[in-house]
C-alpha cells in the first residue's frame, strides 16, 4: 500500500506542529508549510527525526507564495489537505482597525480557499481526497451569545461559508470536506487559560479526519465530533 500524504499549513507551532508530528508517527508523508522555515526549530527537528517530512515556505496570505508552492508540488498527490494557518485579531464595540480586519480575512478566510484551489489537482490525484479547514466555534452565528470579537468571529464565519460552498462544488469530484473546531486549546493563540491541551485536540481531530468520507462530508464539528450549528 502506498504512503498517504498530508499537507498542513501553519505547521511550525501549536496545532499544526502537533498534526505534523502525529501523522509522521503514523508513517504518513507530511508536507509542512510555515512563514519562516529557517527559524522553525521544532519543525526542523522533526525533519531530522523522520525522513518523510518536507518543509516549504508559505505565508498563506501571499498569493505569489501559494502559486510557488503549487508549482513546487506539481503532480504530487495529496491525500489530505489541512488548512490550519490562522491569526487572531479582535476588536470590541466602537473600535475599528480596518487593516487588522483585512489581514484577518486574507489569512483566515481567503487563504484556505486559495490554497485549496491551487492544490486541487494534487488532491484529485490523491486516493483519500479530503479537505479540512480548522475554524472556530466563534465562527458560528448560532453560537454567538456574547457579542464582541468582531474581527475574529467574522473571519471564521466567512471561512465556514466558504467550506460549505466547497462541499457542494467538490463533492461530485469525490472530494470530502470537513470544517473542524479544535476546541479552546492551550497554545500561543488560545492562551494558557484554555480548556484542553494540544495533544487532546489533535488526537480528536485526527479521528474526525479519519472518519471523514463522502457520506458524512460537509459537517461543522468539534474535535470530539460534536455537531456545531452554523
Protein backbone atom coordinates (compact mmCIF):
# COMPACT_ATOMS: atom_id res chain seq x y z
CA UNK A 1 0.00 0.00 0.00
CA UNK A 2 1.35 3.42 -0.95
CA UNK A 3 2.21 6.01 1.69
CA UNK A 4 -0.51 8.59 2.35
CA UNK A 5 0.39 12.28 2.12
CA UNK A 6 -0.93 15.16 4.21
CA UNK A 7 -0.22 18.87 3.66
CA UNK A 8 -0.51 21.09 6.73
CA UNK A 9 -0.33 24.89 6.64
CA UNK A 10 0.96 26.80 9.65
CA UNK A 11 2.90 23.76 10.85
CA UNK A 12 5.71 25.42 12.81
CA UNK A 13 3.93 25.54 16.18
CA UNK A 14 0.84 24.64 18.17
CA UNK A 15 -1.84 22.59 16.46
CA UNK A 16 -0.09 22.50 13.08
CA UNK A 17 3.15 21.20 14.56
CA UNK A 18 1.30 18.52 16.51
CA UNK A 19 -0.57 17.42 13.40
CA UNK A 20 2.78 17.03 11.61
CA UNK A 21 4.31 15.05 14.46
CA UNK A 22 1.37 12.67 14.84
CA UNK A 23 0.97 11.98 11.12
CA UNK A 24 4.71 11.27 10.90
CA UNK A 25 4.38 8.78 13.74
CA UNK A 26 1.65 7.03 11.75
CA UNK A 27 4.03 6.66 8.81
CA UNK A 28 2.50 9.34 6.60
CA UNK A 29 4.44 11.58 4.26
CA UNK A 30 4.00 15.10 5.62
CA UNK A 31 4.31 18.34 3.66
CA UNK A 32 4.53 21.15 6.22
CA UNK A 33 4.42 24.84 5.43
CA UNK A 34 5.25 27.89 7.52
CA UNK A 35 6.22 31.53 7.07
CA UNK A 36 9.86 31.15 8.14
CA UNK A 37 11.29 27.63 7.79
CA UNK A 38 14.79 28.76 8.82
CA UNK A 39 13.51 29.64 12.30
CA UNK A 40 11.05 26.75 12.69
CA UNK A 41 13.34 24.84 15.07
CA UNK A 42 10.83 22.25 16.26
CA UNK A 43 9.66 21.53 12.73
CA UNK A 44 13.23 21.19 11.50
CA UNK A 45 13.94 18.78 14.35
CA UNK A 46 11.02 16.65 13.20
CA UNK A 47 12.56 16.61 9.72
CA UNK A 48 15.75 15.21 11.26
CA UNK A 49 13.85 12.62 13.28
CA UNK A 50 11.64 11.48 10.41
CA UNK A 51 12.67 11.03 6.80
CA UNK A 52 9.22 11.68 5.39
CA UNK A 53 8.81 15.38 6.18
CA UNK A 54 9.14 18.16 3.60
CA UNK A 55 9.10 21.80 4.71
CA UNK A 56 8.08 24.63 2.39
CA UNK A 57 7.93 28.40 2.76
CA UNK A 58 4.38 29.71 2.76
CA UNK A 59 2.73 32.81 4.09
CA UNK A 60 -0.85 31.83 3.25
CA UNK A 61 -1.84 35.47 2.77
CA UNK A 62 0.72 35.79 -0.04
CA UNK A 63 -0.83 34.68 -3.33
CA UNK A 64 2.55 34.52 -5.10
CA UNK A 65 3.87 32.10 -2.47
CA UNK A 66 0.77 29.91 -2.87
CA UNK A 67 1.44 29.76 -6.61
CA UNK A 68 5.10 28.92 -5.98
CA UNK A 69 4.11 26.10 -3.64
CA UNK A 70 1.68 24.71 -6.21
CA UNK A 71 4.43 24.79 -8.85
CA UNK A 72 6.86 23.03 -6.50
CA UNK A 73 4.30 20.31 -5.77
CA UNK A 74 3.10 19.86 -9.35
CA UNK A 75 1.90 16.28 -10.00
CA UNK A 76 2.45 15.24 -6.36
CA UNK A 77 -0.68 13.56 -4.96
CA UNK A 78 -2.05 14.97 -1.69
CA UNK A 79 -4.48 12.75 0.20
CA UNK A 80 -5.41 15.18 2.99
CA UNK A 81 -5.14 18.98 2.99
CA UNK A 82 -5.36 20.65 6.40
CA UNK A 83 -5.86 24.41 6.20
CA UNK A 84 -4.60 25.19 9.69
CA UNK A 85 -2.78 28.53 9.41
CA UNK A 86 -4.67 31.38 11.02
CA UNK A 87 -4.34 34.59 13.02
CA UNK A 88 -6.33 36.07 15.89
CA UNK A 89 -7.24 39.73 15.64
CA UNK A 90 -10.08 41.19 17.63
CA UNK A 91 -11.92 44.40 18.37
CA UNK A 92 -14.64 45.49 20.72
CA UNK A 93 -17.72 47.56 20.04
CA UNK A 94 -16.76 51.06 18.93
CA UNK A 95 -13.20 50.30 17.86
CA UNK A 96 -12.22 49.86 14.22
CA UNK A 97 -8.91 48.64 12.83
CA UNK A 98 -9.62 48.13 9.14
CA UNK A 99 -6.11 46.88 8.38
CA UNK A 100 -6.33 44.19 11.07
CA UNK A 101 -9.73 43.19 9.72
CA UNK A 102 -8.42 42.88 6.17
CA UNK A 103 -5.38 40.88 7.36
CA UNK A 104 -7.70 38.51 9.22
CA UNK A 105 -9.87 37.92 6.19
CA UNK A 106 -6.82 37.43 3.97
CA UNK A 107 -5.37 34.78 6.29
CA UNK A 108 -8.39 33.11 7.89
CA UNK A 109 -10.92 33.21 5.04
CA UNK A 110 -9.42 33.84 1.61
CA UNK A 111 -6.18 31.87 2.09
CA UNK A 112 -7.79 28.46 2.76
CA UNK A 113 -9.80 28.91 -0.44
CA UNK A 114 -6.73 29.96 -2.45
CA UNK A 115 -4.62 27.11 -1.10
CA UNK A 116 -7.40 24.63 -1.84
CA UNK A 117 -7.98 25.82 -5.41
CA UNK A 118 -4.27 25.94 -6.24
CA UNK A 119 -3.71 22.42 -4.90
CA UNK A 120 -6.92 20.95 -6.29
CA UNK A 121 -5.16 18.89 -8.95
CA UNK A 122 -2.91 17.39 -6.27
CA UNK A 123 -5.91 16.46 -4.14
CA UNK A 124 -7.69 14.90 -7.11
CA UNK A 125 -4.58 12.78 -7.71
CA UNK A 126 -4.64 11.57 -4.09
CA UNK A 127 -6.50 8.45 -3.01
CA UNK A 128 -8.28 9.86 0.06
CA UNK A 129 -9.32 13.27 -1.34
CA UNK A 130 -10.04 15.13 1.91
CA UNK A 131 -10.00 18.88 2.58
CA UNK A 132 -10.12 20.10 6.17
CA UNK A 133 -10.20 23.67 7.43
CA UNK A 134 -9.52 24.47 11.07
CA UNK A 135 -12.11 27.03 12.10
CA UNK A 136 -13.52 28.07 15.47
CA UNK A 137 -16.82 27.75 17.28
CA UNK A 138 -16.63 31.55 17.39
CA UNK A 139 -17.45 31.46 13.68
CA UNK A 140 -20.88 30.02 14.46
CA UNK A 141 -23.62 32.65 14.17
CA UNK A 142 -25.94 30.36 16.12
CA UNK A 143 -23.45 30.11 19.00
CA UNK A 144 -22.76 33.85 19.24
CA UNK A 145 -24.42 34.62 22.57
CA UNK A 146 -21.90 37.16 23.89
CA UNK A 147 -21.05 39.52 21.02
CA UNK A 148 -17.61 41.14 20.66
CA UNK A 149 -14.58 39.70 18.85
CA UNK A 150 -15.88 41.21 15.62
CA UNK A 151 -12.80 40.61 13.51
CA UNK A 152 -12.06 37.03 14.52
CA UNK A 153 -15.69 35.90 14.53
CA UNK A 154 -16.47 37.34 11.10
CA UNK A 155 -13.30 35.90 9.51
CA UNK A 156 -14.16 32.41 10.75
CA UNK A 157 -17.82 32.76 9.77
CA UNK A 158 -16.62 33.58 6.27
CA UNK A 159 -14.37 30.50 6.29
CA UNK A 160 -17.33 28.35 7.34
CA UNK A 161 -19.36 29.71 4.43
CA UNK A 162 -16.52 29.01 2.01
CA UNK A 163 -16.24 25.42 3.24
CA UNK A 164 -19.99 24.95 2.82
CA UNK A 165 -19.71 26.06 -0.80
CA UNK A 166 -16.70 23.81 -1.40
CA UNK A 167 -18.73 20.88 -0.10
CA UNK A 168 -21.27 21.39 -2.87
CA UNK A 169 -18.78 22.27 -5.59
CA UNK A 170 -16.24 19.49 -4.94
CA UNK A 171 -18.35 16.60 -3.72
CA UNK A 172 -19.18 15.42 -7.25
CA UNK A 173 -15.41 15.17 -7.86
CA UNK A 174 -15.09 12.70 -4.99
CA UNK A 175 -13.63 15.23 -2.53
CA UNK A 176 -14.89 15.23 1.07
CA UNK A 177 -14.73 18.43 3.14
CA UNK A 178 -14.75 18.96 6.90
CA UNK A 179 -14.92 22.16 8.96
CA UNK A 180 -13.26 21.50 12.33
CA UNK A 181 -13.29 23.39 15.63
CA UNK A 182 -10.20 22.32 17.64
CA UNK A 183 -11.67 23.32 20.99
CA UNK A 184 -10.22 26.01 23.20
CA UNK A 185 -6.62 24.86 23.13
CA UNK A 186 -3.65 25.90 25.24
CA UNK A 187 -1.44 27.37 22.51
CA UNK A 188 0.13 30.76 21.78
CA UNK A 189 -3.16 31.72 20.14
CA UNK A 190 -5.53 30.10 22.63
CA UNK A 191 -3.65 31.15 25.73
CA UNK A 192 -2.67 29.21 28.82
CA UNK A 193 -6.14 29.51 30.36
CA UNK A 194 -7.71 27.33 27.64
CA UNK A 195 -9.58 24.14 28.49
CA UNK A 196 -7.66 21.39 26.66
CA UNK A 197 -4.10 20.70 25.55
CA UNK A 198 -2.81 20.30 22.02
CA UNK A 199 -2.45 16.52 22.34
CA UNK A 200 -6.13 16.03 23.18
CA UNK A 201 -7.30 18.42 20.47
CA UNK A 202 -5.22 16.98 17.65
CA UNK A 203 -5.91 13.36 18.62
CA UNK A 204 -9.63 14.11 18.47
CA UNK A 205 -9.42 15.98 15.19
CA UNK A 206 -7.40 13.19 13.58
CA UNK A 207 -10.19 10.77 14.49
CA UNK A 208 -12.72 13.02 12.80
CA UNK A 209 -10.49 13.29 9.72
CA UNK A 210 -10.10 9.50 9.60
CA UNK A 211 -13.89 9.04 9.77
CA UNK A 212 -14.48 11.58 7.00
CA UNK A 213 -15.93 10.25 3.75
CA UNK A 214 -18.36 11.40 1.07
CA UNK A 215 -21.38 10.17 3.02
CA UNK A 216 -20.66 12.37 6.06
CA UNK A 217 -18.84 15.25 4.31
CA UNK A 218 -19.66 18.91 4.79
CA UNK A 219 -20.06 18.82 8.57
CA UNK A 220 -19.09 21.51 11.09
CA UNK A 221 -17.96 19.67 14.22
CA UNK A 222 -15.56 19.99 17.13
CA UNK A 223 -12.55 17.80 17.90
CA UNK A 224 -14.80 15.28 19.71
CA UNK A 225 -17.20 15.01 16.75
CA UNK A 226 -19.93 17.14 18.33
CA UNK A 227 -22.03 18.96 15.75
CA UNK A 228 -21.90 22.77 15.79
CA UNK A 229 -24.76 24.76 14.31
CA UNK A 230 -23.68 27.15 11.57
